[in-house]
């Protein structure tokens, strides 16, 4: 029998709220990426630029399970990023149900 895959896969599409420019949001997302990839439970956290005119980005994430995902969301830098309200989540899907 195959071993159960315990990874959590997530895809999000985010769009700027207009509080900052596309470039400034890109910088903030890249800062978040640089910190997130250092987390023990992070397998992949990739910011992908999408439609610049629409201010959209994709986030591709792989976590070592739900606990790692929730640990990421408990980090001060993640909370601070969300508190700034620079983007809004247009789409989110994951391989297991999680709460944002």
PDB file of N, CA and C in Angstrom:
ATOM      1  N   UNK A   1       0.845  -1.185   0.000  1.00  0.00           N
ATOM      2  CA  UNK A   1       0.000   0.000   0.000  1.00  0.00           C
ATOM      3  C   UNK A   1       0.892   1.249   0.000  1.00  0.00           C
ATOM      4  N   UNK A   2       0.511   2.234  -0.771  1.00  0.00           N
ATOM      5  CA  UNK A   2       1.284   3.474  -0.827  1.00  0.00           C
ATOM      6  C   UNK A   2       1.123   4.270   0.460  1.00  0.00           C
ATOM      7  N   UNK A   3       2.207   4.953   0.827  1.00  0.00           N
ATOM      8  CA  UNK A   3       2.171   5.825   1.992  1.00  0.00           C
ATOM      9  C   UNK A   3       1.305   7.039   1.687  1.00  0.00           C
ATOM     10  N   UNK A   4       0.483   7.448   2.633  1.00  0.00           N
ATOM     11  CA  UNK A   4      -0.394   8.599   2.436  1.00  0.00           C
ATOM     12  C   UNK A   4       0.448   9.875   2.325  1.00  0.00           C
ATOM     13  N   UNK A   5       0.139  10.672   1.319  1.00  0.00           N
ATOM     14  CA  UNK A   5       0.813  11.959   1.132  1.00  0.00           C
ATOM     15  C   UNK A   5       0.277  12.934   2.178  1.00  0.00           C
ATOM     16  N   UNK A   6       1.159  13.447   3.015  1.00  0.00           N
ATOM     17  CA  UNK A   6       0.720  14.349   4.080  1.00  0.00           C
ATOM     18  C   UNK A   6       0.902  15.819   3.720  1.00  0.00           C
ATOM     19  N   UNK A   7       1.349  16.089   2.500  1.00  0.00           N
ATOM     20  CA  UNK A   7       1.524  17.481   2.103  1.00  0.00           C
ATOM     21  C   UNK A   7       0.173  18.162   1.893  1.00  0.00           C
ATOM     22  N   UNK A   8       0.151  19.442   2.171  1.00  0.00           N
ATOM     23  CA  UNK A   8      -1.004  20.291   1.911  1.00  0.00           C
ATOM     24  C   UNK A   8      -0.630  21.207   0.762  1.00  0.00           C
ATOM     25  N   UNK A   9      -1.396  21.153  -0.323  1.00  0.00           N
ATOM     26  CA  UNK A   9      -1.149  21.961  -1.517  1.00  0.00           C
ATOM     27  C   UNK A   9      -2.176  23.085  -1.567  1.00  0.00           C
ATOM     28  N   UNK A  10      -1.702  24.309  -1.808  1.00  0.00           N
ATOM     29  CA  UNK A  10      -2.600  25.458  -1.869  1.00  0.00           C
ATOM     30  C   UNK A  10      -2.271  26.336  -3.070  1.00  0.00           C
ATOM     31  N   UNK A  11      -3.309  26.880  -3.673  1.00  0.00           N
ATOM     32  CA  UNK A  11      -3.161  27.870  -4.731  1.00  0.00           C
ATOM     33  C   UNK A  11      -4.075  29.032  -4.394  1.00  0.00           C
ATOM     34  N   UNK A  12      -3.519  30.228  -4.436  1.00  0.00           N
ATOM     35  CA  UNK A  12      -4.313  31.429  -4.202  1.00  0.00           C
ATOM     36  C   UNK A  12      -4.048  32.414  -5.330  1.00  0.00           C
ATOM     37  N   UNK A  13      -5.076  33.146  -5.693  1.00  0.00           N
ATOM     38  CA  UNK A  13      -4.927  34.281  -6.598  1.00  0.00           C
ATOM     39  C   UNK A  13      -5.328  35.501  -5.787  1.00  0.00           C
ATOM     40  N   UNK A  14      -4.397  36.443  -5.692  1.00  0.00           N
ATOM     41  CA  UNK A  14      -4.646  37.654  -4.922  1.00  0.00           C
ATOM     42  C   UNK A  14      -4.584  38.862  -5.849  1.00  0.00           C
ATOM     43  N   UNK A  15      -5.288  39.909  -5.429  1.00  0.00           N
ATOM     44  CA  UNK A  15      -5.340  41.130  -6.221  1.00  0.00           C
ATOM     45  C   UNK A  15      -5.136  42.318  -5.288  1.00  0.00           C
ATOM     46  N   UNK A  16      -4.422  43.312  -5.775  1.00  0.00           N
ATOM     47  CA  UNK A  16      -4.177  44.496  -4.973  1.00  0.00           C
ATOM     48  C   UNK A  16      -5.486  45.187  -4.589  1.00  0.00           C
ATOM     49  N   UNK A  17      -5.511  45.762  -3.406  1.00  0.00           N
ATOM     50  CA  UNK A  17      -6.662  46.555  -2.972  1.00  0.00           C
ATOM     51  C   UNK A  17      -6.541  47.991  -3.466  1.00  0.00           C
ATOM     52  N   UNK A  18      -5.406  48.327  -4.062  1.00  0.00           N
ATOM     53  CA  UNK A  18      -5.202  49.688  -4.554  1.00  0.00           C
ATOM     54  C   UNK A  18      -4.516  50.596  -3.542  1.00  0.00           C
ATOM     55  N   UNK A  19      -4.234  50.088  -2.348  1.00  0.00           N
ATOM     56  CA  UNK A  19      -3.544  50.899  -1.336  1.00  0.00           C
ATOM     57  C   UNK A  19      -2.107  51.192  -1.732  1.00  0.00           C
ATOM     58  N   UNK A  20      -1.533  50.275  -2.520  1.00  0.00           N
ATOM     59  CA  UNK A  20      -0.157  50.443  -2.998  1.00  0.00           C
ATOM     60  C   UNK A  20      -0.113  50.067  -4.475  1.00  0.00           C
ATOM     61  N   UNK A  21       0.963  50.422  -5.124  1.00  0.00           N
ATOM     62  CA  UNK A  21       1.135  50.071  -6.529  1.00  0.00           C
ATOM     63  C   UNK A  21       1.362  48.577  -6.677  1.00  0.00           C
ATOM     64  N   UNK A  22       1.239  48.108  -7.893  1.00  0.00           N
ATOM     65  CA  UNK A  22       1.520  46.703  -8.215  1.00  0.00           C
ATOM     66  C   UNK A  22       2.947  46.352  -7.803  1.00  0.00           C
ATOM     67  N   UNK A  23       3.883  47.233  -8.099  1.00  0.00           N
ATOM     68  CA  UNK A  23       5.289  46.982  -7.779  1.00  0.00           C
ATOM     69  C   UNK A  23       5.514  46.910  -6.274  1.00  0.00           C
ATOM     70  N   UNK A  24       4.837  47.789  -5.532  1.00  0.00           N
ATOM     71  CA  UNK A  24       4.977  47.775  -4.069  1.00  0.00           C
ATOM     72  C   UNK A  24       4.386  46.500  -3.480  1.00  0.00           C
ATOM     73  N   UNK A  25       3.257  46.053  -4.035  1.00  0.00           N
ATOM     74  CA  UNK A  25       2.681  44.792  -3.567  1.00  0.00           C
ATOM     75  C   UNK A  25       3.615  43.635  -3.912  1.00  0.00           C
ATOM     76  N   UNK A  26       4.198  43.676  -5.093  1.00  0.00           N
ATOM     77  CA  UNK A  26       5.166  42.638  -5.483  1.00  0.00           C
ATOM     78  C   UNK A  26       6.318  42.590  -4.483  1.00  0.00           C
ATOM     79  N   UNK A  27       6.819  43.742  -4.087  1.00  0.00           N
ATOM     80  CA  UNK A  27       7.904  43.798  -3.106  1.00  0.00           C
ATOM     81  C   UNK A  27       7.476  43.190  -1.777  1.00  0.00           C
ATOM     82  N   UNK A  28       6.277  43.531  -1.310  1.00  0.00           N
ATOM     83  CA  UNK A  28       5.771  42.998  -0.037  1.00  0.00           C
ATOM     84  C   UNK A  28       5.583  41.483  -0.117  1.00  0.00           C
ATOM     85  N   UNK A  29       5.046  41.013  -1.237  1.00  0.00           N
ATOM     86  CA  UNK A  29       4.861  39.577  -1.404  1.00  0.00           C
ATOM     87  C   UNK A  29       6.202  38.855  -1.471  1.00  0.00           C
ATOM     88  N   UNK A  30       7.167  39.453  -2.114  1.00  0.00           N
ATOM     89  CA  UNK A  30       8.505  38.845  -2.183  1.00  0.00           C
ATOM     90  C   UNK A  30       9.169  38.804  -0.814  1.00  0.00           C
ATOM     91  N   UNK A  31       8.961  39.841  -0.002  1.00  0.00           N
ATOM     92  CA  UNK A  31       9.470  39.832   1.378  1.00  0.00           C
ATOM     93  C   UNK A  31       8.828  38.685   2.159  1.00  0.00           C
ATOM     94  N   UNK A  32       7.510  38.531   1.993  1.00  0.00           N
ATOM     95  CA  UNK A  32       6.806  37.444   2.667  1.00  0.00           C
ATOM     96  C   UNK A  32       7.345  36.092   2.199  1.00  0.00           C
ATOM     97  N   UNK A  33       7.593  35.969   0.913  1.00  0.00           N
ATOM     98  CA  UNK A  33       8.133  34.722   0.357  1.00  0.00           C
ATOM     99  C   UNK A  33       9.502  34.409   0.965  1.00  0.00           C
ATOM    100  N   UNK A  34      10.372  35.409   1.056  1.00  0.00           N
ATOM    101  CA  UNK A  34      11.719  35.204   1.588  1.00  0.00           C
ATOM    102  C   UNK A  34      11.695  34.673   3.020  1.00  0.00           C
ATOM    103  N   UNK A  35      10.751  35.161   3.824  1.00  0.00           N
ATOM    104  CA  UNK A  35      10.636  34.695   5.208  1.00  0.00           C
ATOM    105  C   UNK A  35       9.964  33.326   5.282  1.00  0.00           C
ATOM    106  N   UNK A  36       8.940  33.145   4.478  1.00  0.00           N
ATOM    107  CA  UNK A  36       8.144  31.923   4.538  1.00  0.00           C
ATOM    108  C   UNK A  36       8.942  30.693   4.127  1.00  0.00           C
ATOM    109  N   UNK A  37       9.760  30.804   3.102  1.00  0.00           N
ATOM    110  CA  UNK A  37      10.509  29.621   2.635  1.00  0.00           C
ATOM    111  C   UNK A  37      11.500  29.116   3.683  1.00  0.00           C
ATOM    112  N   UNK A  38      11.793  29.929   4.683  1.00  0.00           N
ATOM    113  CA  UNK A  38      12.698  29.519   5.761  1.00  0.00           C
ATOM    114  C   UNK A  38      11.987  28.703   6.843  1.00  0.00           C
ATOM    115  N   UNK A  39      10.655  28.688   6.807  1.00  0.00           N
ATOM    116  CA  UNK A  39       9.897  27.956   7.818  1.00  0.00           C
ATOM    117  C   UNK A  39      10.102  26.451   7.647  1.00  0.00           C
ATOM    118  N   UNK A  40      10.221  25.761   8.760  1.00  0.00           N
ATOM    119  CA  UNK A  40      10.475  24.319   8.743  1.00  0.00           C
ATOM    120  C   UNK A  40       9.389  23.553   7.979  1.00  0.00           C
ATOM    121  N   UNK A  41       8.155  23.978   8.097  1.00  0.00           N
ATOM    122  CA  UNK A  41       7.052  23.258   7.471  1.00  0.00           C
ATOM    123  C   UNK A  41       6.756  23.644   6.039  1.00  0.00           C
ATOM    124  N   UNK A  42       7.531  24.577   5.503  1.00  0.00           N
ATOM    125  CA  UNK A  42       7.305  25.041   4.135  1.00  0.00           C
ATOM    126  C   UNK A  42       8.120  24.208   3.153  1.00  0.00           C
ATOM    127  N   UNK A  43       7.427  23.624   2.185  1.00  0.00           N
ATOM    128  CA  UNK A  43       8.089  22.902   1.103  1.00  0.00           C
ATOM    129  C   UNK A  43       8.259  23.846  -0.088  1.00  0.00           C
ATOM    130  N   UNK A  44       7.218  24.656  -0.348  1.00  0.00           N
ATOM    131  CA  UNK A  44       7.251  25.616  -1.451  1.00  0.00           C
ATOM    132  C   UNK A  44       6.344  26.781  -1.119  1.00  0.00           C
ATOM    133  N   UNK A  45       6.817  27.984  -1.368  1.00  0.00           N
ATOM    134  CA  UNK A  45       5.995  29.193  -1.293  1.00  0.00           C
ATOM    135  C   UNK A  45       6.510  30.090  -2.409  1.00  0.00           C
ATOM    136  N   UNK A  46       5.736  30.196  -3.471  1.00  0.00           N
ATOM    137  CA  UNK A  46       6.178  30.897  -4.675  1.00  0.00           C
ATOM    138  C   UNK A  46       5.162  31.961  -5.060  1.00  0.00           C
ATOM    139  N   UNK A  47       5.652  33.182  -5.237  1.00  0.00           N
ATOM    140  CA  UNK A  47       4.834  34.292  -5.723  1.00  0.00           C
ATOM    141  C   UNK A  47       5.015  34.368  -7.229  1.00  0.00           C
ATOM    142  N   UNK A  48       3.904  34.328  -7.951  1.00  0.00           N
ATOM    143  CA  UNK A  48       3.933  34.339  -9.414  1.00  0.00           C
ATOM    144  C   UNK A  48       3.169  35.563  -9.917  1.00  0.00           C
ATOM    145  N   UNK A  49       3.845  36.500 -10.580  1.00  0.00           N
ATOM    146  CA  UNK A  49       3.137  37.654 -11.137  1.00  0.00           C
ATOM    147  C   UNK A  49       2.144  37.209 -12.213  1.00  0.00           C
ATOM    148  N   UNK A  50       0.956  37.780 -12.182  1.00  0.00           N
ATOM    149  CA  UNK A  50      -0.047  37.503 -13.202  1.00  0.00           C
ATOM    150  C   UNK A  50      -0.323  38.800 -13.964  1.00  0.00           C
ATOM    151  N   UNK A  51      -1.556  39.167 -14.087  1.00  0.00           N
ATOM    152  CA  UNK A  51      -1.953  40.334 -14.869  1.00  0.00           C
ATOM    153  C   UNK A  51      -1.630  41.631 -14.127  1.00  0.00           C
ATOM    154  N   UNK A  52      -0.653  42.373 -14.635  1.00  0.00           N
ATOM    155  CA  UNK A  52      -0.231  43.612 -13.973  1.00  0.00           C
ATOM    156  C   UNK A  52      -1.344  44.659 -13.973  1.00  0.00           C
ATOM    157  N   UNK A  53      -2.072  44.777 -15.084  1.00  0.00           N
ATOM    158  CA  UNK A  53      -3.157  45.770 -15.161  1.00  0.00           C
ATOM    159  C   UNK A  53      -4.238  45.503 -14.129  1.00  0.00           C
ATOM    160  N   UNK A  54      -4.469  44.238 -13.824  1.00  0.00           N
ATOM    161  CA  UNK A  54      -5.469  43.868 -12.820  1.00  0.00           C
ATOM    162  C   UNK A  54      -4.863  43.775 -11.424  1.00  0.00           C
ATOM    163  N   UNK A  55      -3.538  43.898 -11.326  1.00  0.00           N
ATOM    164  CA  UNK A  55      -2.868  43.848 -10.026  1.00  0.00           C
ATOM    165  C   UNK A  55      -2.918  42.480  -9.383  1.00  0.00           C
ATOM    166  N   UNK A  56      -2.792  41.420 -10.179  1.00  0.00           N
ATOM    167  CA  UNK A  56      -2.978  40.056  -9.680  1.00  0.00           C
ATOM    168  C   UNK A  56      -1.674  39.259  -9.602  1.00  0.00           C
ATOM    169  N   UNK A  57      -1.653  38.386  -8.602  1.00  0.00           N
ATOM    170  CA  UNK A  57      -0.552  37.459  -8.376  1.00  0.00           C
ATOM    171  C   UNK A  57      -1.139  36.101  -8.009  1.00  0.00           C
ATOM    172  N   UNK A  58      -0.387  35.052  -8.280  1.00  0.00           N
ATOM    173  CA  UNK A  58      -0.729  33.721  -7.785  1.00  0.00           C
ATOM    174  C   UNK A  58       0.267  33.367  -6.686  1.00  0.00           C
ATOM    175  N   UNK A  59      -0.197  32.633  -5.713  1.00  0.00           N
ATOM    176  CA  UNK A  59       0.663  32.086  -4.664  1.00  0.00           C
ATOM    177  C   UNK A  59       0.544  30.575  -4.740  1.00  0.00           C
ATOM    178  N   UNK A  60       1.660  29.906  -4.943  1.00  0.00           N
ATOM    179  CA  UNK A  60       1.705  28.444  -4.959  1.00  0.00           C
ATOM    180  C   UNK A  60       2.381  28.009  -3.673  1.00  0.00           C
ATOM    181  N   UNK A  61       1.696  27.163  -2.932  1.00  0.00           N
ATOM    182  CA  UNK A  61       2.201  26.763  -1.621  1.00  0.00           C
ATOM    183  C   UNK A  61       2.120  25.249  -1.447  1.00  0.00           C
ATOM    184  N   UNK A  62       3.149  24.692  -0.843  1.00  0.00           N
ATOM    185  CA  UNK A  62       3.123  23.299  -0.394  1.00  0.00           C
ATOM    186  C   UNK A  62       3.625  23.300   1.047  1.00  0.00           C
ATOM    187  N   UNK A  63       2.843  22.702   1.917  1.00  0.00           N
ATOM    188  CA  UNK A  63       3.148  22.642   3.344  1.00  0.00           C
ATOM    189  C   UNK A  63       3.246  21.196   3.788  1.00  0.00           C
ATOM    190  N   UNK A  64       4.002  20.961   4.840  1.00  0.00           N
ATOM    191  CA  UNK A  64       4.130  19.619   5.428  1.00  0.00           C
ATOM    192  C   UNK A  64       2.920  19.342   6.326  1.00  0.00           C
ATOM    193  N   UNK A  65       1.736  19.564   5.775  1.00  0.00           N
ATOM    194  CA  UNK A  65       0.483  19.308   6.493  1.00  0.00           C
ATOM    195  C   UNK A  65      -0.179  20.581   6.993  1.00  0.00           C
ATOM    196  N   UNK A  66      -1.384  20.376   7.529  1.00  0.00           N
ATOM    197  CA  UNK A  66      -2.181  21.498   8.021  1.00  0.00           C
ATOM    198  C   UNK A  66      -1.503  22.244   9.169  1.00  0.00           C
ATOM    199  N   UNK A  67      -0.838  21.510  10.046  1.00  0.00           N
ATOM    200  CA  UNK A  67      -0.187  22.162  11.194  1.00  0.00           C
ATOM    201  C   UNK A  67       0.840  23.191  10.720  1.00  0.00           C
ATOM    202  N   UNK A  68       1.602  22.862   9.683  1.00  0.00           N
ATOM    203  CA  UNK A  68       2.599  23.797   9.144  1.00  0.00           C
ATOM    204  C   UNK A  68       1.918  25.018   8.528  1.00  0.00           C
ATOM    205  N   UNK A  69       0.806  24.798   7.837  1.00  0.00           N
ATOM    206  CA  UNK A  69       0.025  25.898   7.247  1.00  0.00           C
ATOM    207  C   UNK A  69      -0.439  26.859   8.344  1.00  0.00           C
ATOM    208  N   UNK A  70      -1.019  26.298   9.399  1.00  0.00           N
ATOM    209  CA  UNK A  70      -1.512  27.138  10.487  1.00  0.00           C
ATOM    210  C   UNK A  70      -0.371  27.797  11.261  1.00  0.00           C
ATOM    211  N   UNK A  71       0.760  27.118  11.383  1.00  0.00           N
ATOM    212  CA  UNK A  71       1.932  27.722  12.027  1.00  0.00           C
ATOM    213  C   UNK A  71       2.378  28.948  11.235  1.00  0.00           C
ATOM    214  N   UNK A  72       2.379  28.839   9.909  1.00  0.00           N
ATOM    215  CA  UNK A  72       2.733  29.980   9.051  1.00  0.00           C
ATOM    216  C   UNK A  72       1.804  31.160   9.323  1.00  0.00           C
ATOM    217  N   UNK A  73       0.523  30.891   9.465  1.00  0.00           N
ATOM    218  CA  UNK A  73      -0.450  31.964   9.687  1.00  0.00           C
ATOM    219  C   UNK A  73      -0.375  32.538  11.104  1.00  0.00           C
ATOM    220  N   UNK A  74       0.349  31.878  11.987  1.00  0.00           N
ATOM    221  CA  UNK A  74       0.520  32.412  13.346  1.00  0.00           C
ATOM    222  C   UNK A  74       1.767  33.293  13.468  1.00  0.00           C
ATOM    223  N   UNK A  75       2.612  33.294  12.447  1.00  0.00           N
ATOM    224  CA  UNK A  75       3.842  34.095  12.467  1.00  0.00           C
ATOM    225  C   UNK A  75       3.495  35.586  12.429  1.00  0.00           C
ATOM    226  N   UNK A  76       4.271  36.389  13.159  1.00  0.00           N
ATOM    227  CA  UNK A  76       4.012  37.833  13.206  1.00  0.00           C
ATOM    228  C   UNK A  76       4.098  38.474  11.825  1.00  0.00           C
ATOM    229  N   UNK A  77       5.081  38.072  10.997  1.00  0.00           N
ATOM    230  CA  UNK A  77       5.209  38.678   9.675  1.00  0.00           C
ATOM    231  C   UNK A  77       4.018  38.349   8.776  1.00  0.00           C
ATOM    232  N   UNK A  78       3.427  37.160   8.948  1.00  0.00           N
ATOM    233  CA  UNK A  78       2.229  36.819   8.177  1.00  0.00           C
ATOM    234  C   UNK A  78       1.041  37.627   8.671  1.00  0.00           C
ATOM    235  N   UNK A  79       0.871  37.703   9.975  1.00  0.00           N
ATOM    236  CA  UNK A  79      -0.224  38.505  10.544  1.00  0.00           C
ATOM    237  C   UNK A  79      -0.093  39.968  10.129  1.00  0.00           C
ATOM    238  N   UNK A  80       1.132  40.489  10.171  1.00  0.00           N
ATOM    239  CA  UNK A  80       1.355  41.887   9.789  1.00  0.00           C
ATOM    240  C   UNK A  80       1.026  42.123   8.318  1.00  0.00           C
ATOM    241  N   UNK A  81       1.383  41.157   7.457  1.00  0.00           N
ATOM    242  CA  UNK A  81       1.067  41.288   6.036  1.00  0.00           C
ATOM    243  C   UNK A  81      -0.450  41.372   5.845  1.00  0.00           C
ATOM    244  N   UNK A  82      -1.198  40.462   6.470  1.00  0.00           N
ATOM    245  CA  UNK A  82      -2.655  40.483   6.340  1.00  0.00           C
ATOM    246  C   UNK A  82      -3.249  41.755   6.930  1.00  0.00           C
ATOM    247  N   UNK A  83      -2.691  42.236   8.027  1.00  0.00           N
ATOM    248  CA  UNK A  83      -3.221  43.434   8.691  1.00  0.00           C
ATOM    249  C   UNK A  83      -3.098  44.678   7.814  1.00  0.00           C
ATOM    250  N   UNK A  84      -2.096  44.706   6.936  1.00  0.00           N
ATOM    251  CA  UNK A  84      -1.924  45.862   6.048  1.00  0.00           C
ATOM    252  C   UNK A  84      -3.018  45.956   4.980  1.00  0.00           C
ATOM    253  N   UNK A  85      -3.711  44.857   4.722  1.00  0.00           N
ATOM    254  CA  UNK A  85      -4.805  44.805   3.739  1.00  0.00           C
ATOM    255  C   UNK A  85      -4.393  45.375   2.385  1.00  0.00           C
ATOM    256  N   UNK A  86      -3.240  44.910   1.897  1.00  0.00           N
ATOM    257  CA  UNK A  86      -2.729  45.367   0.605  1.00  0.00           C
ATOM    258  C   UNK A  86      -3.300  44.556  -0.548  1.00  0.00           C
ATOM    259  N   UNK A  87      -3.817  43.368  -0.226  1.00  0.00           N
ATOM    260  CA  UNK A  87      -4.391  42.529  -1.273  1.00  0.00           C
ATOM    261  C   UNK A  87      -5.650  41.853  -0.759  1.00  0.00           C
ATOM    262  N   UNK A  88      -6.395  41.320  -1.695  1.00  0.00           N
ATOM    263  CA  UNK A  88      -7.584  40.553  -1.363  1.00  0.00           C
ATOM    264  C   UNK A  88      -7.486  39.205  -2.075  1.00  0.00           C
ATOM    265  N   UNK A  89      -7.977  38.170  -1.437  1.00  0.00           N
ATOM    266  CA  UNK A  89      -7.922  36.837  -2.018  1.00  0.00           C
ATOM    267  C   UNK A  89      -9.104  36.687  -2.981  1.00  0.00           C
ATOM    268  N   UNK A  90      -8.784  36.544  -4.252  1.00  0.00           N
ATOM    269  CA  UNK A  90      -9.808  36.364  -5.278  1.00  0.00           C
ATOM    270  C   UNK A  90     -10.199  34.898  -5.417  1.00  0.00           C
ATOM    271  N   UNK A  91      -9.244  34.008  -5.147  1.00  0.00           N
ATOM    272  CA  UNK A  91      -9.461  32.577  -5.319  1.00  0.00           C
ATOM    273  C   UNK A  91      -8.520  31.844  -4.372  1.00  0.00           C
ATOM    274  N   UNK A  92      -9.030  30.814  -3.722  1.00  0.00           N
ATOM    275  CA  UNK A  92      -8.189  29.963  -2.886  1.00  0.00           C
ATOM    276  C   UNK A  92      -8.706  28.541  -2.974  1.00  0.00           C
ATOM    277  N   UNK A  93      -7.792  27.619  -3.212  1.00  0.00           N
ATOM    278  CA  UNK A  93      -8.151  26.209  -3.212  1.00  0.00           C
ATOM    279  C   UNK A  93      -6.997  25.433  -2.604  1.00  0.00           C
ATOM    280  N   UNK A  94      -7.332  24.392  -1.869  1.00  0.00           N
ATOM    281  CA  UNK A  94      -6.307  23.570  -1.244  1.00  0.00           C
ATOM    282  C   UNK A  94      -6.702  22.103  -1.302  1.00  0.00           C
ATOM    283  N   UNK A  95      -5.708  21.241  -1.120  1.00  0.00           N
ATOM    284  CA  UNK A  95      -5.930  19.804  -1.216  1.00  0.00           C
ATOM    285  C   UNK A  95      -6.690  19.254  -0.015  1.00  0.00           C
ATOM    286  N   UNK A  96      -6.732  20.011   1.064  1.00  0.00           N
ATOM    287  CA  UNK A  96      -7.526  19.694   2.260  1.00  0.00           C
ATOM    288  C   UNK A  96      -8.181  20.986   2.705  1.00  0.00           C
ATOM    289  N   UNK A  97      -9.309  20.874   3.368  1.00  0.00           N
ATOM    290  CA  UNK A  97      -9.993  22.079   3.824  1.00  0.00           C
ATOM    291  C   UNK A  97      -9.208  22.754   4.944  1.00  0.00           C
ATOM    292  N   UNK A  98      -8.950  24.034   4.756  1.00  0.00           N
ATOM    293  CA  UNK A  98      -8.286  24.855   5.771  1.00  0.00           C
ATOM    294  C   UNK A  98      -9.011  26.189   5.856  1.00  0.00           C
ATOM    295  N   UNK A  99      -8.848  26.849   6.976  1.00  0.00           N
ATOM    296  CA  UNK A  99      -9.447  28.166   7.177  1.00  0.00           C
ATOM    297  C   UNK A  99      -8.380  29.224   7.030  1.00  0.00           C
ATOM    298  N   UNK A 100      -8.662  30.259   6.251  1.00  0.00           N
ATOM    299  CA  UNK A 100      -7.715  31.362   6.090  1.00  0.00           C
ATOM    300  C   UNK A 100      -7.852  32.337   7.231  1.00  0.00           C
TER     301      UNK A 100
END
